[in-house]
N, C-alpha and C. Protein backbone atom coordinates (compact mmCIF):
# COMPACT_ATOMS: atom_id res chain seq x y z
N UNK A 1 -25.00 11.04 1.84
CA UNK A 1 -24.31 10.67 2.98
C UNK A 1 -22.94 11.39 3.45
N UNK A 2 -22.65 12.16 2.31
CA UNK A 2 -21.31 12.81 2.54
C UNK A 2 -21.31 13.79 3.64
N UNK A 3 -22.38 14.27 4.09
CA UNK A 3 -22.36 15.29 5.16
C UNK A 3 -22.31 14.57 6.50
N UNK A 4 -22.62 13.02 6.61
CA UNK A 4 -22.73 12.45 7.78
C UNK A 4 -21.32 11.73 8.16
N UNK A 5 -20.67 11.27 7.04
CA UNK A 5 -19.36 10.64 7.22
C UNK A 5 -18.31 11.62 7.32
N UNK A 6 -17.36 11.55 8.35
CA UNK A 6 -16.18 12.49 8.54
C UNK A 6 -15.14 12.05 7.53
N UNK A 7 -14.72 12.79 6.56
CA UNK A 7 -13.63 12.50 5.71
C UNK A 7 -12.39 12.11 6.52
N UNK A 8 -11.67 11.01 5.98
CA UNK A 8 -10.43 10.57 6.72
C UNK A 8 -9.34 11.56 6.51
N UNK A 9 -9.39 12.32 5.51
CA UNK A 9 -8.26 13.17 5.41
C UNK A 9 -8.48 14.64 5.68
N UNK A 10 -9.45 14.79 6.43
CA UNK A 10 -9.97 16.11 6.91
C UNK A 10 -9.14 16.55 8.10
N UNK A 11 -8.59 17.78 8.16
CA UNK A 11 -7.77 18.19 9.38
C UNK A 11 -8.75 18.33 10.57
N UNK A 12 -8.32 18.10 11.76
CA UNK A 12 -9.04 18.48 13.07
C UNK A 12 -9.33 19.93 13.32
N UNK A 13 -9.92 20.15 14.33
CA UNK A 13 -10.23 21.49 14.73
C UNK A 13 -9.21 22.05 15.56
N UNK A 14 -7.89 21.30 15.82
CA UNK A 14 -6.82 21.88 16.66
C UNK A 14 -6.25 23.19 16.07
N UNK A 15 -5.97 23.97 17.01
CA UNK A 15 -5.32 25.26 16.52
C UNK A 15 -4.21 25.55 17.51
N UNK A 16 -2.94 25.50 16.85
CA UNK A 16 -1.75 25.81 17.86
C UNK A 16 -1.84 27.24 18.40
N UNK A 17 -1.83 27.30 19.63
CA UNK A 17 -1.87 28.71 20.26
C UNK A 17 -0.57 29.65 19.87
N UNK A 18 0.41 29.05 19.45
CA UNK A 18 1.69 29.77 19.24
C UNK A 18 1.51 30.37 17.75
N UNK A 19 0.62 30.03 17.01
CA UNK A 19 0.50 30.47 15.60
C UNK A 19 -0.55 31.59 15.64
N UNK A 20 -0.23 32.79 15.19
CA UNK A 20 -1.17 33.89 15.36
C UNK A 20 -1.88 34.02 13.95
N UNK A 21 -2.70 33.05 13.71
CA UNK A 21 -3.63 32.86 12.62
C UNK A 21 -4.93 32.70 12.90
N UNK A 22 -5.80 33.48 12.14
CA UNK A 22 -7.25 33.08 12.41
C UNK A 22 -7.62 31.80 11.72
N UNK A 23 -8.65 31.20 12.03
CA UNK A 23 -9.18 30.00 11.59
C UNK A 23 -9.22 29.91 10.02
N UNK A 24 -9.62 30.87 9.41
CA UNK A 24 -9.86 30.87 7.82
C UNK A 24 -8.30 30.82 7.33
N UNK A 25 -7.53 31.59 7.81
CA UNK A 25 -6.05 31.61 7.24
C UNK A 25 -5.29 30.26 7.58
N UNK A 26 -5.71 29.70 8.76
CA UNK A 26 -5.18 28.29 9.18
C UNK A 26 -5.60 27.40 8.11
N UNK A 27 -6.91 27.15 7.81
CA UNK A 27 -7.32 26.29 6.91
C UNK A 27 -6.68 26.43 5.50
N UNK A 28 -6.41 27.70 5.11
CA UNK A 28 -5.78 27.92 3.87
C UNK A 28 -4.27 27.32 3.94
N UNK A 29 -3.61 27.52 4.94
CA UNK A 29 -2.34 26.87 5.11
C UNK A 29 -2.34 25.41 5.06
N UNK A 30 -3.38 24.85 5.81
CA UNK A 30 -3.42 23.38 5.93
C UNK A 30 -3.85 22.74 4.58
N UNK A 31 -4.53 23.57 3.61
CA UNK A 31 -4.91 22.94 2.41
C UNK A 31 -3.63 22.80 1.45
N UNK A 32 -2.58 23.41 1.94
CA UNK A 32 -1.28 23.16 1.17
C UNK A 32 -0.22 22.55 2.06
N UNK A 33 -0.47 22.12 3.17
CA UNK A 33 0.50 21.61 4.11
C UNK A 33 1.07 20.31 3.59
N UNK A 34 2.52 20.32 3.96
CA UNK A 34 3.04 18.83 3.63
C UNK A 34 3.59 18.17 4.95
N UNK A 35 3.06 18.68 6.10
CA UNK A 35 3.52 18.09 7.46
C UNK A 35 2.41 17.54 8.06
N UNK A 36 2.80 16.35 8.66
CA UNK A 36 1.79 15.67 9.68
C UNK A 36 2.40 15.70 10.92
N UNK A 37 1.40 15.99 11.85
CA UNK A 37 1.54 15.69 13.39
C UNK A 37 1.14 14.35 13.67
N UNK A 38 2.06 13.53 14.31
CA UNK A 38 1.75 12.10 14.72
C UNK A 38 1.78 11.99 16.12
N UNK A 39 0.62 11.59 16.86
CA UNK A 39 0.61 11.48 18.32
C UNK A 39 0.24 10.04 18.71
N UNK A 40 0.29 9.93 20.04
CA UNK A 40 0.01 8.60 20.78
C UNK A 40 1.09 7.70 20.33
N UNK A 41 2.24 7.97 20.14
CA UNK A 41 3.35 7.22 19.97
C UNK A 41 3.97 6.68 21.36
N UNK A 42 4.54 5.41 21.30
CA UNK A 42 5.23 4.95 22.39
C UNK A 42 6.66 5.72 22.64
N UNK A 43 7.08 5.87 23.80
CA UNK A 43 8.34 6.52 24.10
C UNK A 43 9.47 5.64 23.39
N UNK A 44 9.38 4.37 23.07
CA UNK A 44 10.22 3.44 22.69
C UNK A 44 10.23 3.42 21.15
N UNK A 45 9.32 3.88 20.50
CA UNK A 45 9.28 3.75 19.10
C UNK A 45 10.55 4.59 18.40
N UNK A 46 11.06 4.03 17.50
CA UNK A 46 12.33 4.66 16.94
C UNK A 46 11.85 5.37 15.53
N UNK A 47 12.93 6.28 15.20
CA UNK A 47 12.59 7.09 13.94
C UNK A 47 12.51 6.15 12.75
N UNK A 48 13.25 5.01 12.71
CA UNK A 48 13.31 4.05 11.77
C UNK A 48 11.92 3.44 11.56
N UNK A 49 11.27 3.05 12.71
CA UNK A 49 9.93 2.53 12.67
C UNK A 49 8.91 3.46 12.03
N UNK A 50 9.01 4.72 12.43
CA UNK A 50 8.13 5.83 11.81
C UNK A 50 8.28 5.93 10.37
N UNK A 51 9.57 5.85 9.98
CA UNK A 51 9.87 6.01 8.51
C UNK A 51 9.38 4.87 7.72
N UNK A 52 9.38 3.81 8.28
CA UNK A 52 9.10 2.56 7.64
C UNK A 52 7.53 2.49 7.35
N UNK A 53 6.81 2.94 8.31
CA UNK A 53 5.25 2.94 8.30
C UNK A 53 4.69 4.13 7.43
N UNK A 54 5.30 5.33 7.57
CA UNK A 54 4.76 6.60 6.90
C UNK A 54 5.25 6.80 5.50
N UNK A 55 6.19 5.96 5.09
CA UNK A 55 6.68 6.03 3.67
C UNK A 55 5.86 5.02 2.67
N UNK A 56 4.91 4.35 3.28
CA UNK A 56 4.12 3.44 2.45
C UNK A 56 3.21 4.13 1.53
N UNK A 57 2.91 5.44 1.79
CA UNK A 57 1.96 6.12 0.88
C UNK A 57 2.68 7.20 0.10
N UNK A 58 4.02 6.99 -0.11
CA UNK A 58 4.75 8.13 -0.79
C UNK A 58 4.97 7.55 -2.32
N UNK A 59 5.58 8.46 -3.18
CA UNK A 59 5.82 8.17 -4.54
C UNK A 59 7.14 8.67 -4.82
N UNK A 60 8.27 7.94 -4.35
CA UNK A 60 9.63 8.34 -4.77
C UNK A 60 9.81 8.58 -6.09
N UNK A 61 9.19 7.58 -6.98
CA UNK A 61 9.52 7.68 -8.34
C UNK A 61 9.12 8.86 -9.00
N UNK A 62 8.14 9.61 -8.46
CA UNK A 62 7.61 10.95 -8.86
C UNK A 62 8.24 12.19 -8.20
N UNK A 63 9.20 11.93 -7.45
CA UNK A 63 10.00 13.10 -6.78
C UNK A 63 9.30 13.20 -5.31
N UNK A 64 8.53 12.24 -4.88
CA UNK A 64 8.05 12.55 -3.62
C UNK A 64 8.92 11.79 -2.46
N UNK A 65 8.18 11.48 -1.51
CA UNK A 65 8.80 10.71 -0.23
C UNK A 65 8.87 11.52 0.99
N UNK A 66 9.47 11.10 2.01
CA UNK A 66 9.54 11.62 3.30
C UNK A 66 10.77 12.59 3.28
N UNK A 67 10.55 13.87 3.49
CA UNK A 67 11.67 14.91 3.54
C UNK A 67 12.63 14.76 4.83
N UNK A 68 11.85 14.80 6.01
CA UNK A 68 12.54 14.53 7.33
C UNK A 68 11.53 14.16 8.44
N UNK A 69 11.90 13.57 9.41
CA UNK A 69 11.06 13.21 10.58
C UNK A 69 11.76 14.00 11.85
N UNK A 70 10.98 14.75 12.51
CA UNK A 70 11.39 15.38 13.74
C UNK A 70 10.79 14.73 14.83
N UNK A 71 11.60 14.14 15.69
CA UNK A 71 10.91 13.41 16.91
C UNK A 71 10.67 14.32 18.06
N UNK A 72 9.62 14.26 18.61
CA UNK A 72 9.27 14.91 19.87
C UNK A 72 9.93 14.66 21.01
N UNK A 73 10.72 15.63 21.85
CA UNK A 73 11.50 15.29 22.96
C UNK A 73 10.92 15.89 24.20
N UNK A 74 11.35 15.21 25.27
CA UNK A 74 11.13 15.87 26.66
C UNK A 74 12.05 17.03 26.72
N UNK A 75 11.48 18.18 27.21
CA UNK A 75 12.28 19.46 27.30
C UNK A 75 13.38 19.30 28.28
N UNK A 76 13.32 18.48 29.31
CA UNK A 76 14.21 18.39 30.29
C UNK A 76 15.28 17.36 30.11
N UNK A 77 14.85 16.17 29.62
CA UNK A 77 15.59 14.84 29.50
C UNK A 77 16.11 14.72 28.16
N UNK A 78 15.49 15.45 27.00
CA UNK A 78 15.77 15.31 25.61
C UNK A 78 15.72 13.84 25.09
N UNK A 79 14.67 13.11 25.70
CA UNK A 79 14.38 11.69 25.37
C UNK A 79 12.97 11.80 24.64
N UNK A 80 12.68 10.92 23.82
CA UNK A 80 11.36 10.92 23.26
C UNK A 80 10.13 10.89 24.09
N UNK A 81 9.07 11.65 23.75
CA UNK A 81 7.92 11.81 24.64
C UNK A 81 6.57 11.57 24.01
N UNK A 82 6.60 10.81 22.79
CA UNK A 82 5.33 10.37 22.38
C UNK A 82 4.72 11.19 21.16
N UNK A 83 5.52 11.81 20.40
CA UNK A 83 4.94 12.44 19.16
C UNK A 83 6.13 12.76 18.16
N UNK A 84 5.63 13.19 17.10
CA UNK A 84 6.58 13.49 15.98
C UNK A 84 6.11 14.28 15.00
N UNK A 85 6.85 14.99 14.07
CA UNK A 85 6.38 15.63 12.85
C UNK A 85 6.98 14.84 11.58
N UNK A 86 6.20 14.56 10.58
CA UNK A 86 6.77 13.91 9.47
C UNK A 86 6.41 14.97 8.36
N UNK A 87 7.42 15.36 7.61
CA UNK A 87 7.38 16.10 6.45
C UNK A 87 7.58 15.45 5.22
N UNK A 88 6.69 15.75 4.25
CA UNK A 88 6.60 15.18 3.00
C UNK A 88 7.09 16.21 1.81
N UNK A 89 7.33 15.77 0.73
CA UNK A 89 7.57 16.57 -0.33
C UNK A 89 6.35 17.24 -1.00
N UNK A 90 5.30 16.50 -0.91
CA UNK A 90 3.96 16.77 -1.53
C UNK A 90 2.75 16.75 -0.76
N UNK A 91 1.87 17.77 -0.83
CA UNK A 91 0.68 17.69 -0.02
C UNK A 91 -0.21 16.50 -0.23
N UNK A 92 -0.16 15.97 -1.43
CA UNK A 92 -1.04 14.50 -1.62
C UNK A 92 -0.52 13.47 -0.87
N UNK A 93 0.84 13.39 -0.67
CA UNK A 93 1.46 12.23 0.10
C UNK A 93 0.92 12.38 1.67
N UNK A 94 0.97 13.75 2.08
CA UNK A 94 0.49 13.94 3.48
C UNK A 94 -0.90 13.46 3.65
N UNK A 95 -1.69 13.89 2.67
CA UNK A 95 -3.12 13.69 2.84
C UNK A 95 -3.15 11.99 2.74
N UNK A 96 -2.72 11.31 1.83
CA UNK A 96 -2.62 9.87 1.60
C UNK A 96 -2.42 9.09 3.06
N UNK A 97 -1.26 9.66 3.69
CA UNK A 97 -0.81 8.88 4.88
C UNK A 97 -1.94 9.26 6.04
N UNK A 98 -2.46 10.37 5.96
CA UNK A 98 -3.56 10.77 6.99
C UNK A 98 -4.65 9.87 6.75
N UNK A 99 -4.90 9.52 5.65
CA UNK A 99 -6.10 8.80 5.07
C UNK A 99 -6.14 7.39 5.41
N UNK A 100 -4.79 6.69 5.19
CA UNK A 100 -4.52 5.36 5.32
C UNK A 100 -3.73 4.85 6.58
N UNK A 101 -2.89 5.72 7.01
CA UNK A 101 -2.02 5.42 8.17
C UNK A 101 -2.70 5.73 9.55
N UNK A 102 -3.31 6.91 9.51
CA UNK A 102 -3.82 7.33 10.88
C UNK A 102 -4.85 6.34 11.31
N UNK A 103 -4.80 5.95 12.61
CA UNK A 103 -5.65 4.83 13.17
C UNK A 103 -5.12 3.56 13.12
N UNK A 104 -3.96 3.26 12.41
CA UNK A 104 -3.33 2.01 12.44
C UNK A 104 -2.41 1.86 13.74
N UNK A 105 -1.97 0.52 13.97
CA UNK A 105 -1.03 0.28 15.16
C UNK A 105 0.41 0.37 14.77
N UNK A 106 1.11 1.00 15.63
CA UNK A 106 2.53 0.97 15.46
C UNK A 106 3.10 0.76 17.00
N UNK A 107 3.86 -0.33 17.12
CA UNK A 107 4.30 -0.67 18.55
C UNK A 107 3.03 -1.03 19.45
N UNK A 108 2.06 -1.56 18.93
CA UNK A 108 0.99 -1.88 19.66
C UNK A 108 0.15 -0.60 20.20
N UNK A 109 0.35 0.50 19.57
CA UNK A 109 -0.53 1.74 19.91
C UNK A 109 -1.12 2.22 18.70
N UNK A 110 -2.31 2.76 18.76
CA UNK A 110 -3.09 3.27 17.62
C UNK A 110 -2.56 4.80 17.48
N UNK A 111 -1.81 5.06 16.48
CA UNK A 111 -1.30 6.24 16.29
C UNK A 111 -2.38 7.17 15.61
N UNK A 112 -2.19 8.58 15.95
CA UNK A 112 -3.19 9.61 15.50
C UNK A 112 -2.44 10.65 14.48
N UNK A 113 -2.97 10.93 13.38
CA UNK A 113 -2.29 11.87 12.51
C UNK A 113 -3.23 13.03 12.24
N UNK A 114 -2.59 14.27 12.12
CA UNK A 114 -3.16 15.62 11.64
C UNK A 114 -2.37 16.32 10.83
N UNK A 115 -3.02 17.06 9.97
CA UNK A 115 -2.25 18.00 9.19
C UNK A 115 -1.69 18.97 10.09
N UNK A 116 -0.53 19.57 9.83
CA UNK A 116 -0.03 20.54 10.68
C UNK A 116 0.49 21.86 9.93
N UNK A 117 0.52 23.00 10.47
CA UNK A 117 0.81 24.14 9.72
C UNK A 117 2.29 24.21 9.31
N UNK A 118 3.15 23.36 9.94
CA UNK A 118 4.48 23.32 9.60
C UNK A 118 5.41 23.45 10.78
N UNK A 119 6.51 22.65 10.82
CA UNK A 119 7.34 22.55 11.92
C UNK A 119 8.26 23.92 11.99
N UNK A 120 8.40 24.35 13.16
CA UNK A 120 9.28 25.47 13.49
C UNK A 120 10.15 25.02 14.66
N UNK A 121 11.32 25.63 14.62
CA UNK A 121 12.30 25.26 15.56
C UNK A 121 11.74 25.51 17.02
N UNK A 122 11.83 24.53 17.99
CA UNK A 122 11.27 24.62 19.32
C UNK A 122 10.16 23.86 19.56
N UNK A 123 9.47 23.51 18.44
CA UNK A 123 8.18 22.87 18.52
C UNK A 123 8.48 21.23 18.87
N UNK A 124 9.63 20.82 18.68
CA UNK A 124 9.93 19.39 19.07
C UNK A 124 9.91 19.03 20.49
N UNK A 125 9.86 20.08 21.41
CA UNK A 125 9.81 19.97 22.84
C UNK A 125 8.45 19.88 23.47
N UNK A 126 8.26 19.01 24.45
CA UNK A 126 6.94 18.94 25.13
C UNK A 126 6.66 20.29 25.86
N UNK A 127 5.51 20.54 25.96
CA UNK A 127 4.92 21.77 26.65
C UNK A 127 4.41 21.61 27.92
N UNK A 128 4.46 20.35 28.56
CA UNK A 128 4.02 20.23 29.79
C UNK A 128 4.89 20.69 30.92
N UNK A 129 4.45 20.83 32.06
CA UNK A 129 5.25 21.44 33.12
C UNK A 129 6.39 20.59 33.49
N UNK A 130 6.37 19.25 33.32
CA UNK A 130 7.44 18.35 33.71
C UNK A 130 8.35 18.16 32.54
N UNK A 131 8.05 18.84 31.36
CA UNK A 131 9.00 18.63 30.35
C UNK A 131 8.40 17.78 29.06
N UNK A 132 7.48 17.04 29.40
CA UNK A 132 6.90 16.13 28.40
C UNK A 132 5.49 16.82 27.89
N UNK A 133 4.66 15.94 27.32
CA UNK A 133 3.43 16.41 26.83
C UNK A 133 2.40 16.70 27.78
N UNK A 134 1.50 17.67 27.43
CA UNK A 134 0.65 18.08 28.61
C UNK A 134 -0.45 16.90 28.83
N UNK A 135 -0.73 16.04 27.74
CA UNK A 135 -1.60 14.99 27.98
C UNK A 135 -0.88 14.04 29.14
N UNK A 136 0.29 14.06 29.43
CA UNK A 136 1.06 13.06 30.23
C UNK A 136 0.97 13.65 31.55
N UNK A 137 0.57 15.02 31.68
CA UNK A 137 0.61 15.62 33.07
C UNK A 137 -0.42 15.04 33.91
N UNK A 138 -1.54 15.07 33.40
CA UNK A 138 -2.85 14.72 34.28
C UNK A 138 -3.27 13.11 34.06
N UNK A 139 -2.59 12.47 33.25
CA UNK A 139 -2.93 11.08 33.06
C UNK A 139 -2.84 10.28 34.32
N UNK A 140 -3.92 9.55 34.74
CA UNK A 140 -3.96 8.82 36.02
C UNK A 140 -3.72 7.28 35.79
N UNK A 141 -3.85 6.73 34.58
CA UNK A 141 -3.59 5.42 34.27
C UNK A 141 -2.17 5.06 34.06
N UNK A 142 -1.71 3.83 34.36
CA UNK A 142 -0.37 3.40 34.22
C UNK A 142 -0.23 2.97 32.68
N UNK A 143 0.66 3.72 31.95
CA UNK A 143 0.87 3.28 30.44
C UNK A 143 2.32 3.00 30.42
N UNK A 144 2.93 1.77 30.36
CA UNK A 144 4.21 1.36 30.30
C UNK A 144 4.89 2.11 28.99
N UNK A 145 4.14 2.16 27.96
CA UNK A 145 4.67 2.85 26.64
C UNK A 145 4.95 4.34 26.67
N UNK A 146 4.42 4.91 27.81
CA UNK A 146 4.53 6.29 27.97
C UNK A 146 5.11 6.81 29.33
N UNK A 147 5.97 5.87 29.80
CA UNK A 147 6.64 6.31 30.90
C UNK A 147 5.99 5.93 32.32
N UNK A 148 5.13 5.13 32.25
CA UNK A 148 4.39 4.68 33.43
C UNK A 148 3.34 5.60 33.89
N UNK A 149 3.26 5.94 35.15
CA UNK A 149 2.26 6.85 35.59
C UNK A 149 2.33 8.36 35.03
N UNK A 150 1.36 9.14 35.07
CA UNK A 150 1.34 10.53 34.63
C UNK A 150 2.24 11.17 35.52
N UNK A 151 2.61 12.41 35.14
CA UNK A 151 3.67 13.29 35.83
C UNK A 151 3.20 13.52 37.19
N UNK A 152 1.97 14.03 37.34
CA UNK A 152 1.36 14.40 38.47
C UNK A 152 1.13 13.40 39.54
N UNK A 153 0.69 12.10 38.97
CA UNK A 153 0.56 10.89 39.89
C UNK A 153 1.99 10.47 40.30
N UNK A 154 3.15 10.58 39.51
CA UNK A 154 4.40 10.21 39.89
C UNK A 154 4.95 11.14 41.21
N UNK A 155 4.58 12.51 41.01
CA UNK A 155 4.94 13.35 41.95
C UNK A 155 4.13 13.15 43.23
N UNK A 156 2.93 12.75 43.14
CA UNK A 156 2.10 12.31 44.45
C UNK A 156 2.79 11.22 45.12
N UNK A 157 3.05 10.04 44.34
CA UNK A 157 3.66 8.95 44.78
C UNK A 157 4.95 9.19 45.57
N UNK A 158 5.75 10.02 44.82
CA UNK A 158 6.92 10.51 45.44
C UNK A 158 6.82 11.06 46.86
N UNK A 159 5.84 12.11 46.84
CA UNK A 159 5.60 12.63 48.14
C UNK A 159 5.17 11.74 49.23
N UNK A 160 4.31 10.78 48.78
CA UNK A 160 3.96 9.79 49.86
C UNK A 160 5.11 8.89 50.26
N UNK A 161 6.08 8.53 49.41
CA UNK A 161 7.24 7.75 49.93
C UNK A 161 8.03 8.65 50.90
N UNK A 162 8.27 9.97 50.56
CA UNK A 162 9.01 10.87 51.36
C UNK A 162 8.40 10.96 52.76
N UNK A 163 7.06 11.15 52.78
CA UNK A 163 6.37 11.26 54.01
C UNK A 163 6.41 9.89 54.82
N UNK A 164 6.41 8.85 54.10
CA UNK A 164 6.51 7.56 54.78
C UNK A 164 7.80 7.30 55.49
N UNK A 165 8.83 7.86 54.84
CA UNK A 165 10.19 7.48 55.38
C UNK A 165 10.83 8.90 56.01
N UNK A 166 9.95 9.86 56.28
CA UNK A 166 10.43 11.09 56.82
C UNK A 166 11.05 10.91 58.21
N UNK A 167 10.66 9.78 58.96
CA UNK A 167 11.20 9.72 60.45
C UNK A 167 12.48 8.98 60.38
N UNK A 168 12.96 8.43 59.29
CA UNK A 168 14.18 7.76 59.18
C UNK A 168 15.30 8.71 58.89
N UNK A 169 15.94 9.11 60.04
CA UNK A 169 16.92 10.07 59.80
C UNK A 169 18.40 9.52 59.44
N UNK A 170 19.52 10.20 59.43
CA UNK A 170 20.72 9.74 59.05
C UNK A 170 21.44 8.92 60.15
N UNK A 171 21.06 9.18 61.33
CA UNK A 171 21.50 8.34 62.42
C UNK A 171 20.81 7.11 62.73
N UNK A 172 19.76 6.78 62.00
CA UNK A 172 19.05 5.48 62.25
C UNK A 172 19.86 4.34 61.78
N UNK A 173 19.97 3.38 62.63
CA UNK A 173 20.69 2.17 62.44
C UNK A 173 19.77 1.11 61.88
N UNK A 174 19.83 0.66 60.70
CA UNK A 174 18.98 -0.50 60.09
C UNK A 174 19.17 -1.82 60.83
N UNK A 175 18.08 -2.55 61.00
CA UNK A 175 18.13 -3.76 61.60
C UNK A 175 18.90 -4.70 60.77
N UNK A 176 19.79 -5.45 61.41
CA UNK A 176 20.74 -6.54 60.81
C UNK A 176 20.67 -7.82 61.66
N UNK A 177 20.91 -8.98 60.93
CA UNK A 177 20.94 -10.15 61.73
C UNK A 177 22.25 -10.83 61.51
N UNK A 178 22.33 -12.10 62.03
CA UNK A 178 23.50 -12.83 61.76
C UNK A 178 24.45 -12.91 62.98
N UNK A 179 23.92 -12.32 64.06
CA UNK A 179 24.81 -12.50 65.40
C UNK A 179 26.14 -11.82 65.18
N UNK A 180 27.29 -12.70 65.47
CA UNK A 180 28.57 -11.98 65.52
C UNK A 180 29.41 -12.44 64.26
N UNK A 181 28.63 -12.31 63.05
CA UNK A 181 29.03 -12.56 61.84
C UNK A 181 30.40 -11.76 61.45
N UNK A 182 30.35 -10.39 61.94
CA UNK A 182 31.43 -9.68 61.67
C UNK A 182 32.78 -9.98 62.38
N UNK A 183 32.73 -10.41 63.66
CA UNK A 183 33.78 -10.78 64.29
C UNK A 183 34.37 -12.09 63.76
N UNK A 184 33.58 -12.93 63.39
CA UNK A 184 33.99 -14.21 62.79
C UNK A 184 34.69 -14.06 61.53
N UNK A 185 34.15 -13.15 60.63
CA UNK A 185 34.70 -12.80 59.39
C UNK A 185 36.01 -12.20 59.50
N UNK A 186 36.17 -11.33 60.57
CA UNK A 186 37.42 -10.70 60.78
C UNK A 186 38.58 -11.72 61.16
N UNK A 187 38.08 -12.75 61.94
CA UNK A 187 39.03 -13.82 62.37
C UNK A 187 39.45 -14.51 61.08
N UNK A 188 38.50 -14.76 60.19
CA UNK A 188 38.86 -15.71 59.08
C UNK A 188 39.83 -14.91 58.22
N UNK A 189 39.71 -13.73 58.13
CA UNK A 189 40.58 -12.90 57.22
C UNK A 189 42.02 -12.85 57.62
N UNK A 190 42.22 -13.02 59.03
CA UNK A 190 43.47 -12.93 59.45
C UNK A 190 44.44 -14.24 59.39
N UNK A 191 43.54 -15.33 58.95
CA UNK A 191 44.21 -16.59 58.76
C UNK A 191 44.61 -16.82 57.39
N UNK A 192 45.99 -16.92 57.15
CA UNK A 192 46.46 -17.21 55.77
C UNK A 192 46.48 -18.73 55.39
N UNK A 193 46.24 -19.11 54.19
CA UNK A 193 46.35 -20.51 53.81
C UNK A 193 47.87 -20.68 53.62
N UNK A 194 48.27 -21.86 54.16
CA UNK A 194 49.64 -22.35 53.96
C UNK A 194 49.95 -22.69 52.61
N UNK A 195 51.24 -22.50 52.23
CA UNK A 195 51.74 -22.72 50.86
C UNK A 195 51.76 -24.18 50.67
N UNK A 196 51.14 -24.74 49.49
CA UNK A 196 51.18 -26.21 49.42
C UNK A 196 52.16 -26.54 48.35
N UNK A 197 52.57 -27.77 48.19
CA UNK A 197 53.64 -28.20 47.33
C UNK A 197 53.26 -27.89 45.76
N UNK A 198 51.95 -27.84 45.49
CA UNK A 198 51.47 -27.56 44.03
C UNK A 198 51.63 -26.13 43.70
N UNK A 199 51.89 -25.13 44.62
CA UNK A 199 52.12 -23.76 44.28
C UNK A 199 53.58 -23.64 43.73
N UNK A 200 53.66 -23.91 42.48
CA UNK A 200 54.94 -23.79 41.94
C UNK A 200 55.22 -22.36 41.50
N UNK A 201 56.43 -21.93 41.35
CA UNK A 201 56.77 -20.60 40.88
C UNK A 201 57.38 -20.62 39.47
N UNK A 202 57.20 -19.41 38.87
CA UNK A 202 57.62 -19.26 37.54
C UNK A 202 59.15 -19.08 37.61
N UNK A 203 59.85 -18.91 36.53
CA UNK A 203 61.12 -18.55 36.63
C UNK A 203 61.55 -17.34 37.14
N UNK A 204 60.64 -16.35 37.14
CA UNK A 204 60.96 -14.94 37.68
C UNK A 204 60.55 -14.96 39.14
N UNK A 205 60.13 -16.01 39.70
CA UNK A 205 59.82 -15.94 41.12
C UNK A 205 58.45 -15.81 41.51
N UNK A 206 57.48 -15.28 40.51
CA UNK A 206 56.08 -14.93 40.83
C UNK A 206 55.27 -16.23 40.84
N UNK A 207 54.19 -16.32 41.62
CA UNK A 207 53.41 -17.61 41.75
C UNK A 207 52.76 -17.70 40.51
N UNK A 208 52.73 -19.02 39.83
CA UNK A 208 52.23 -19.45 38.72
C UNK A 208 50.64 -19.16 38.65
N UNK A 209 50.18 -18.41 37.78
CA UNK A 209 48.82 -18.06 37.81
C UNK A 209 47.89 -19.15 37.57
N UNK A 210 48.37 -20.36 37.03
CA UNK A 210 47.49 -21.56 36.99
C UNK A 210 47.03 -21.95 38.27
N UNK A 211 47.70 -21.69 39.35
CA UNK A 211 47.27 -22.14 40.68
C UNK A 211 46.62 -21.11 41.36
N UNK A 212 46.31 -20.02 40.91
CA UNK A 212 45.79 -18.94 41.69
C UNK A 212 44.18 -18.99 41.58
N UNK A 213 43.51 -18.76 42.64
CA UNK A 213 41.99 -18.78 42.77
C UNK A 213 41.42 -17.64 42.00
N UNK A 214 42.11 -16.32 41.91
CA UNK A 214 41.50 -15.29 41.47
C UNK A 214 41.81 -15.01 39.86
N UNK A 215 40.98 -14.35 39.24
CA UNK A 215 41.09 -14.21 37.73
C UNK A 215 41.96 -12.89 37.44
N UNK A 216 42.94 -12.97 36.43
CA UNK A 216 43.70 -11.76 36.08
C UNK A 216 42.61 -10.85 35.34
N UNK A 217 42.55 -9.56 35.84
CA UNK A 217 41.55 -8.61 35.05
C UNK A 217 42.44 -7.90 34.06
N UNK A 218 43.66 -7.91 33.97
CA UNK A 218 44.43 -7.20 32.98
C UNK A 218 45.59 -8.11 32.57
N UNK A 219 45.93 -7.96 31.24
CA UNK A 219 47.11 -8.71 30.73
C UNK A 219 48.35 -8.02 31.15
């Protein structure tokens, strides 16, 4: 049955287009890799949460553990966009986390793990046209954990709103109610409350703040 059941620690068939390696050399690198790619994260998942989950299969007493975590960022806003890289000290730890952590829930989302050829500067940014991940470009469902609608759907909704309000120019006067409320308000502001006997003065001649209706904003 070994040829039927897919091993949990086997790398996927994904090949990074920016790595100039053939499939055979890629597999050789993955057989020694200490880096995991983690996907399907919520935009609100923190680095501390990732560390807590992915350190459960490490062996710090044997010199292992998590070396570093690189959060995936939107290229334009520099905010998390749903993926990260987790680097370990040993290949065995990366395989163990791939076997036991991938497919579990983090922030109510099933995270996906895959062995990676290794982090390089610049890979922390999304490659989608809008700055995020490519998978969020064409997504047509609403996902609150990943920024709501997909980028293309958001752009379409934005265009619809612009077309809907295209005839509202800068000279358009919005409808208001209330009759002559402005004139009545103006008349009220010109009327000053008469000084009452309770409005005592301090020794320096200023009105006692205990009898003022407004709050002092500064000392």
